Amino acid sequence: MATTKESAVVFEQQIQRIYDLVSEPGTQVTWNDHLPDPDNPTQSRQIDVTIKRAGLLTLVECRRHKSRQDVRWIEELIGRRTSLGAHAVIGVSSSGFTAGALAKASKHGIILRDLDKLTDPEVASWSRRVALTLFFYKYSELEVSLLFDRHRIRSVISEQLQTELRTHPCIQSLFNAAAQTLGGSNLTIDEQLGRVMQFGLTVEFDGVQFCDFSLRQANFAGKACLVAQHISPAIRYSYGEPKDPFTARDTVIETFPSLGATSITHNAGRISTLLDLSELTVEPYHQFRFWRQDAGEELDHEVLEVQLGRNFEQIKVSGNGLKIKMLSN
């Protein structure tokens, strides 16, 4: 579960992606920017998002709180605009604003925006939904034959070898080679889907160590079929001016909590996609290959960002399902 700080960062980055999408060409949008304080140039001021265009500076400050933002935060935004000499300030709240905050912002020219959760009827009436699908190769009946020098094979302990193989970098090389072979079958994704395919290949190694001995070659054979995992958005939000109805807002965000921070941001017929695979759960002997986005109408894909992270496993080798043989020349 994400911490409050992590959630705030995800929220700020989502707002940055919105302005990346809606801003005119030539606009510089920066998350977590640092600006020198005009009254104390040796000190910098952190800004959640800055928008710079034609010499004008707009500050975007974000609040992801459970309660609505009040007059005090608006007064802080007024002071920050004056202190940093900004052209404009945008205050973004995930939970809306009090009546007093709305009145204060209107009087002092502070732009306010919020996220409004779409209702079921609004979702049903919205035609720009995007279906997100992940594709994996599901492997079975796998067999790896490892070729060592004849005079050394007796020294290799089978149990130790199997343990080391499951975490050894060369296992990724074998599955990558298998995926490349399968992907070269000239079949479309839909033709491959659910179809069991056999493969057999040989990979030569140079300087690869196994159990303190040099591995010369590996023969890899088995079966695979392409399987699909459909990812459904849990919540959709519209982004815009407080109190504006859904029909008056141009920007909608689809979030996919089952896939980390994954989101698709829509503005008119354009979209920006963040695909977060950093915590993707990969089943044993499944290898992540690619993803597909399908929309009910033609959309212009402006931005695609993929996050892998340290926890991402392209292939997970565990449990039964992999036979290992040792050979000698």
Protein backbone atom coordinates (compact mmCIF):
# COMPACT_ATOMS: atom_id res chain seq x y z
CA MET A 1 0.00 0.00 0.00
CA ALA A 2 1.36 3.42 -0.95
CA THR A 3 2.30 5.82 1.83
CA THR A 4 0.75 9.28 2.09
CA LYS A 5 3.93 10.80 0.65
CA GLU A 6 3.98 8.33 -2.25
CA SER A 7 0.31 9.02 -2.97
CA ALA A 8 0.99 12.76 -3.02
CA VAL A 9 3.84 12.26 -5.48
CA VAL A 10 1.62 10.13 -7.76
CA PHE A 11 -1.05 12.86 -7.60
CA GLU A 12 1.43 15.62 -8.47
CA GLN A 13 2.83 13.61 -11.38
CA GLN A 14 -0.69 13.00 -12.68
CA ILE A 15 -1.33 16.75 -12.70
CA GLN A 16 1.98 17.26 -14.51
CA ARG A 17 0.87 14.77 -17.18
CA ILE A 18 -2.40 16.67 -17.61
CA TYR A 19 -0.59 19.92 -18.34
CA ASP A 20 1.89 18.14 -20.59
CA LEU A 21 -1.10 16.97 -22.61
CA VAL A 22 -3.17 20.18 -22.71
CA SER A 23 -0.38 22.77 -23.07
CA GLU A 24 0.52 24.36 -26.38
CA PRO A 25 3.71 23.28 -28.20
CA GLY A 26 6.80 24.95 -26.79
CA THR A 27 5.51 24.93 -23.22
CA GLN A 28 7.86 23.56 -20.55
CA VAL A 29 6.07 21.59 -17.83
CA THR A 30 8.22 20.44 -14.89
CA TRP A 31 7.31 18.31 -11.89
CA ASN A 32 9.04 19.02 -8.54
CA ASP A 33 10.70 22.16 -9.84
CA HIS A 34 12.99 24.36 -7.74
CA LEU A 35 13.08 28.12 -8.27
CA PRO A 36 15.46 30.64 -6.70
CA ASP A 37 13.81 32.90 -4.14
CA PRO A 38 14.02 36.48 -5.53
CA ASP A 39 14.50 37.82 -2.00
CA ASN A 40 17.18 35.26 -1.14
CA PRO A 41 18.74 33.86 -4.37
CA THR A 42 20.89 31.33 -2.50
CA GLN A 43 17.73 29.56 -1.38
CA SER A 44 15.43 27.63 -3.71
CA ARG A 45 11.67 27.19 -3.44
CA GLN A 46 10.11 23.85 -4.29
CA ILE A 47 7.08 23.93 -6.59
CA ASP A 48 4.94 20.88 -7.32
CA VAL A 49 4.60 21.72 -11.04
CA THR A 50 5.74 24.72 -13.06
CA ILE A 51 4.48 25.78 -16.48
CA LYS A 52 6.77 28.07 -18.48
CA ARG A 53 5.90 29.61 -21.82
CA ALA A 54 6.88 32.83 -23.61
CA GLY A 55 8.61 34.17 -20.51
CA LEU A 56 5.59 33.64 -18.27
CA LEU A 57 5.65 31.43 -15.17
CA THR A 58 2.64 29.57 -13.81
CA LEU A 59 2.87 27.74 -10.50
CA VAL A 60 0.78 24.63 -9.88
CA GLU A 61 0.41 23.52 -6.27
CA CYS A 62 -1.32 20.22 -5.42
CA ARG A 63 -3.07 19.02 -2.29
CA ARG A 64 -4.11 15.40 -1.86
CA HIS A 65 -6.02 15.56 1.43
CA LYS A 66 -9.24 13.98 2.68
CA SER A 67 -10.75 17.33 3.67
CA ARG A 68 -11.59 20.25 1.42
CA GLN A 69 -9.03 23.01 1.14
CA ASP A 70 -9.87 26.21 2.98
CA VAL A 71 -9.06 29.94 2.91
CA ARG A 72 -5.66 29.48 4.55
CA TRP A 73 -4.30 27.51 1.60
CA ILE A 74 -5.60 30.12 -0.85
CA GLU A 75 -3.79 32.82 1.13
CA GLU A 76 -0.60 30.74 0.91
CA LEU A 77 -1.01 30.56 -2.87
CA ILE A 78 -1.52 34.33 -3.09
CA GLY A 79 1.68 34.87 -1.11
CA ARG A 80 3.66 32.40 -3.20
CA ARG A 81 2.58 34.06 -6.44
CA THR A 82 3.72 37.45 -5.14
CA SER A 83 6.95 36.15 -3.64
CA LEU A 84 8.10 34.34 -6.79
CA GLY A 85 6.77 36.88 -9.27
CA ALA A 86 4.62 34.31 -11.04
CA HIS A 87 2.13 35.23 -13.72
CA ALA A 88 -0.47 32.84 -12.32
CA VAL A 89 -1.05 30.17 -9.68
CA ILE A 90 -3.21 27.07 -10.04
CA GLY A 91 -4.35 25.28 -6.89
CA VAL A 92 -5.35 21.65 -7.43
CA SER A 93 -7.21 19.73 -4.73
CA SER A 94 -8.18 16.07 -4.78
CA SER A 95 -11.03 16.77 -2.36
CA GLY A 96 -12.45 20.12 -3.45
CA PHE A 97 -12.64 23.50 -1.70
CA THR A 98 -14.70 25.22 0.95
CA ALA A 99 -17.06 28.05 -0.03
CA GLY A 100 -14.72 30.53 1.62
CA ALA A 101 -11.77 29.23 -0.39
CA LEU A 102 -13.70 29.55 -3.65
CA ALA A 103 -14.68 33.14 -2.83
CA LYS A 104 -11.15 34.15 -1.78
CA ALA A 105 -9.62 32.59 -4.90
CA SER A 106 -12.13 34.30 -7.19
CA LYS A 107 -11.41 37.72 -5.69
CA HIS A 108 -7.62 37.37 -5.91
CA GLY A 109 -7.31 35.63 -9.27
CA ILE A 110 -6.21 32.22 -8.03
CA ILE A 111 -7.15 29.46 -10.49
CA LEU A 112 -8.67 26.41 -8.81
CA ARG A 113 -9.06 22.91 -10.19
CA ASP A 114 -10.25 19.63 -8.71
CA LEU A 115 -10.88 15.99 -9.57
CA ASP A 116 -14.50 14.88 -9.64
CA LYS A 117 -15.29 11.17 -9.63
CA LEU A 118 -17.48 10.14 -12.53
CA THR A 119 -20.83 8.56 -11.70
CA ASP A 120 -21.98 5.32 -13.36
CA PRO A 121 -24.31 7.18 -15.79
CA GLU A 122 -21.46 9.55 -16.73
CA VAL A 123 -19.13 6.64 -17.37
CA ALA A 124 -21.80 4.95 -19.49
CA SER A 125 -22.28 8.10 -21.58
CA TRP A 126 -18.56 8.65 -22.13
CA SER A 127 -17.36 7.22 -25.45
CA ARG A 128 -13.59 7.52 -25.14
CA ARG A 129 -12.87 4.67 -22.77
CA VAL A 130 -9.68 2.70 -23.44
CA ALA A 131 -9.31 -1.05 -22.88
CA LEU A 132 -5.88 -2.02 -21.56
CA THR A 133 -4.63 -5.58 -22.09
CA LEU A 134 -1.34 -7.21 -21.03
CA PHE A 135 -0.01 -10.21 -22.92
CA PHE A 136 2.16 -13.03 -21.57
CA TYR A 137 3.70 -16.19 -22.93
CA LYS A 138 2.63 -19.08 -20.72
CA TYR A 139 5.27 -21.83 -20.86
CA SER A 140 4.91 -25.55 -20.15
CA GLU A 141 6.80 -28.84 -20.59
CA LEU A 142 10.11 -27.00 -20.41
CA GLU A 143 13.45 -28.74 -20.67
CA VAL A 144 16.92 -27.22 -20.49
CA SER A 145 20.01 -29.22 -21.45
CA LEU A 146 23.26 -27.67 -20.26
CA LEU A 147 26.52 -28.55 -22.00
CA PHE A 148 29.69 -28.69 -19.88
CA ASP A 149 33.16 -30.06 -20.57
CA ARG A 150 33.25 -33.85 -20.10
CA HIS A 151 35.87 -33.83 -17.34
CA ARG A 152 33.89 -31.37 -15.25
CA ILE A 153 30.31 -32.57 -15.46
CA ARG A 154 30.71 -35.09 -12.64
CA SER A 155 31.58 -32.28 -10.26
CA VAL A 156 28.33 -30.40 -10.86
CA ILE A 157 25.74 -31.13 -8.19
CA SER A 158 22.24 -31.40 -9.70
CA GLU A 159 20.36 -29.83 -6.78
CA GLN A 160 22.77 -26.92 -6.62
CA LEU A 161 22.51 -26.47 -10.37
CA GLN A 162 18.71 -26.31 -10.36
CA THR A 163 18.68 -23.79 -7.53
CA GLU A 164 21.20 -21.55 -9.24
CA LEU A 165 19.53 -21.79 -12.65
CA ARG A 166 16.24 -20.31 -11.42
CA THR A 167 17.93 -17.05 -10.45
CA HIS A 168 20.82 -17.01 -12.92
CA PRO A 169 20.86 -14.16 -15.51
CA CYS A 170 21.18 -16.67 -18.35
CA ILE A 171 17.65 -17.97 -17.67
CA GLN A 172 16.33 -14.64 -18.90
CA SER A 173 18.44 -15.04 -22.05
CA LEU A 174 16.87 -18.43 -22.73
CA PHE A 175 13.30 -17.19 -22.35
CA ASN A 176 14.06 -14.06 -24.38
CA ALA A 177 15.38 -16.26 -27.19
CA ALA A 178 12.26 -18.41 -26.98
CA ALA A 179 10.00 -15.34 -27.11
CA GLN A 180 11.88 -14.03 -30.13
CA THR A 181 11.42 -17.37 -31.87
CA LEU A 182 7.71 -17.46 -31.04
CA GLY A 183 7.23 -13.84 -32.06
CA GLY A 184 8.75 -14.58 -35.47
CA SER A 185 5.96 -16.99 -36.38
CA ASN A 186 4.29 -14.34 -38.61
CA LEU A 187 1.04 -14.80 -36.70
CA THR A 188 -0.94 -11.80 -35.47
CA ILE A 189 -1.66 -11.34 -31.77
CA ASP A 190 -5.21 -12.60 -32.20
CA GLU A 191 -4.00 -15.64 -34.17
CA GLN A 192 -1.44 -16.48 -31.46
CA LEU A 193 -3.83 -15.98 -28.55
CA GLY A 194 -4.50 -19.31 -26.84
CA ARG A 195 -2.66 -21.30 -29.50
CA VAL A 196 -0.11 -23.82 -28.16
CA MET A 197 3.20 -23.49 -29.99
CA GLN A 198 6.28 -25.67 -29.67
CA PHE A 199 9.80 -24.34 -29.77
CA GLY A 200 13.35 -25.62 -29.62
CA LEU A 201 16.52 -23.58 -29.74
CA THR A 202 20.20 -23.52 -28.88
CA VAL A 203 22.02 -20.66 -27.16
CA GLU A 204 25.80 -20.43 -27.09
CA PHE A 205 27.48 -18.93 -24.02
CA ASP A 206 30.92 -17.44 -23.55
CA GLY A 207 32.32 -16.99 -20.05
CA VAL A 208 29.08 -17.84 -18.25
CA GLN A 209 29.70 -19.52 -14.90
CA PHE A 210 27.47 -22.17 -13.32
CA CYS A 211 28.38 -23.70 -9.98
CA ASP A 212 31.93 -22.37 -10.53
CA PHE A 213 32.17 -24.10 -13.93
CA SER A 214 31.93 -22.66 -17.44
CA LEU A 215 28.73 -23.27 -19.35
CA ARG A 216 29.29 -23.67 -23.08
CA GLN A 217 25.81 -24.16 -24.50
CA ALA A 218 22.17 -24.61 -23.56
CA ASN A 219 19.41 -26.35 -25.50
CA PHE A 220 15.95 -25.04 -24.57
CA ALA A 221 12.67 -26.66 -25.63
CA GLY A 222 9.04 -26.56 -24.59
CA LYS A 223 5.58 -25.29 -25.34
CA ALA A 224 4.07 -21.82 -25.03
CA CYS A 225 0.82 -20.04 -25.68
CA LEU A 226 -0.04 -16.36 -25.64
CA VAL A 227 -2.48 -15.41 -22.87
CA ALA A 228 -4.16 -12.09 -22.17
CA GLN A 229 -4.83 -10.23 -18.94
CA HIS A 230 -7.47 -7.52 -19.22
CA ILE A 231 -6.97 -4.60 -16.84
CA SER A 232 -10.12 -2.70 -15.90
CA PRO A 233 -10.10 0.88 -14.64
CA ALA A 234 -11.54 1.13 -11.15
CA ILE A 235 -12.18 4.88 -10.97
CA ARG A 236 -12.51 7.68 -13.52
CA TYR A 237 -12.17 11.36 -12.70
CA SER A 238 -12.88 14.55 -14.61
CA TYR A 239 -10.45 17.41 -14.14
CA GLY A 240 -11.60 21.00 -14.25
CA GLU A 241 -12.98 24.02 -12.50
CA PRO A 242 -14.83 23.34 -9.23
CA LYS A 243 -18.60 23.03 -9.59
CA ASP A 244 -18.34 22.57 -13.37
CA PRO A 245 -20.36 19.50 -14.42
CA PHE A 246 -18.75 16.57 -16.22
CA THR A 247 -20.09 17.79 -19.57
CA ALA A 248 -18.18 21.06 -19.20
CA ARG A 249 -14.84 19.42 -18.44
CA ASP A 250 -12.45 18.48 -21.24
CA THR A 251 -10.06 16.26 -19.30
CA VAL A 252 -10.77 12.78 -17.90
CA ILE A 253 -8.36 10.46 -16.09
CA GLU A 254 -8.82 6.69 -16.03
CA THR A 255 -6.97 5.07 -13.13
CA PHE A 256 -6.00 1.39 -12.85
CA PRO A 257 -5.18 0.72 -9.16
CA SER A 258 -4.66 -2.98 -9.82
CA LEU A 259 -1.65 -1.94 -11.88
CA GLY A 260 0.04 0.53 -9.54
CA ALA A 261 -0.02 4.13 -10.73
CA THR A 262 -1.17 3.23 -14.24
CA SER A 263 -3.44 5.89 -15.71
CA ILE A 264 -4.71 7.16 -19.05
CA THR A 265 -5.32 10.90 -19.36
CA HIS A 266 -7.77 12.09 -22.02
CA ASN A 267 -8.16 15.57 -23.44
CA ALA A 268 -10.54 15.78 -26.38
CA GLY A 269 -9.23 13.14 -28.81
CA ARG A 270 -5.71 12.98 -27.33
CA ILE A 271 -4.40 10.68 -24.62
CA SER A 272 -1.34 10.33 -22.41
CA THR A 273 -0.61 6.90 -20.94
CA LEU A 274 1.39 5.92 -17.88
CA LEU A 275 1.92 2.15 -17.70
CA ASP A 276 3.24 1.17 -14.27
CA LEU A 277 4.64 -2.37 -14.29
CA SER A 278 6.83 -1.93 -11.21
CA GLU A 279 4.60 -4.16 -9.06
CA LEU A 280 3.09 -6.38 -11.75
CA THR A 281 2.44 -9.88 -10.45
CA VAL A 282 3.86 -12.42 -12.91
CA GLU A 283 2.63 -15.99 -12.53
CA PRO A 284 5.20 -18.84 -12.54
CA TYR A 285 6.48 -19.59 -16.04
CA HIS A 286 4.66 -16.60 -17.49
CA GLN A 287 6.71 -14.04 -19.41
CA PHE A 288 5.43 -10.50 -19.94
CA ARG A 289 5.71 -9.52 -23.59
CA PHE A 290 3.67 -6.45 -24.54
CA TRP A 291 0.44 -4.56 -24.03
CA ARG A 292 -2.35 -3.17 -26.18
CA GLN A 293 -4.71 -0.24 -25.86
CA ASP A 294 -8.05 -0.43 -27.67
CA ALA A 295 -10.47 2.48 -27.91
CA GLY A 296 -13.96 2.78 -29.29
CA GLU A 297 -12.84 5.62 -31.53
CA GLU A 298 -9.61 6.90 -33.04
CA LEU A 299 -7.40 8.65 -30.49
CA ASP A 300 -4.15 10.57 -30.84
CA HIS A 301 -1.50 9.04 -28.57
CA GLU A 302 0.57 12.01 -27.44
CA VAL A 303 2.67 10.52 -24.62
CA LEU A 304 3.57 7.00 -23.46
CA GLU A 305 5.52 6.46 -20.25
CA VAL A 306 6.46 3.02 -18.88
CA GLN A 307 7.68 2.46 -15.33
CA LEU A 308 9.41 -0.85 -14.61
CA GLY A 309 11.05 -0.43 -11.22
CA ARG A 310 13.22 -2.83 -9.28
CA ASN A 311 10.38 -5.23 -8.50
CA PHE A 312 9.46 -5.90 -12.12
CA GLU A 313 9.83 -9.57 -13.12
CA GLN A 314 9.56 -10.25 -16.84
CA ILE A 315 9.75 -14.00 -16.22
CA LYS A 316 9.16 -15.85 -12.96
CA VAL A 317 10.75 -19.29 -12.64
CA SER A 318 9.46 -21.18 -9.60
CA GLY A 319 7.95 -24.52 -8.67
CA ASN A 320 7.77 -27.54 -10.93
CA GLY A 321 7.69 -27.26 -14.68
CA LEU A 322 11.35 -27.05 -15.70
CA LYS A 323 13.48 -30.17 -16.29
CA ILE A 324 17.23 -29.80 -16.31
CA LYS A 325 19.70 -32.12 -17.97
CA MET A 326 23.48 -31.99 -17.91
CA LEU A 327 25.41 -33.02 -21.01
CA SER A 328 29.07 -33.25 -21.98
CA ASN A 329 30.81 -33.18 -25.30
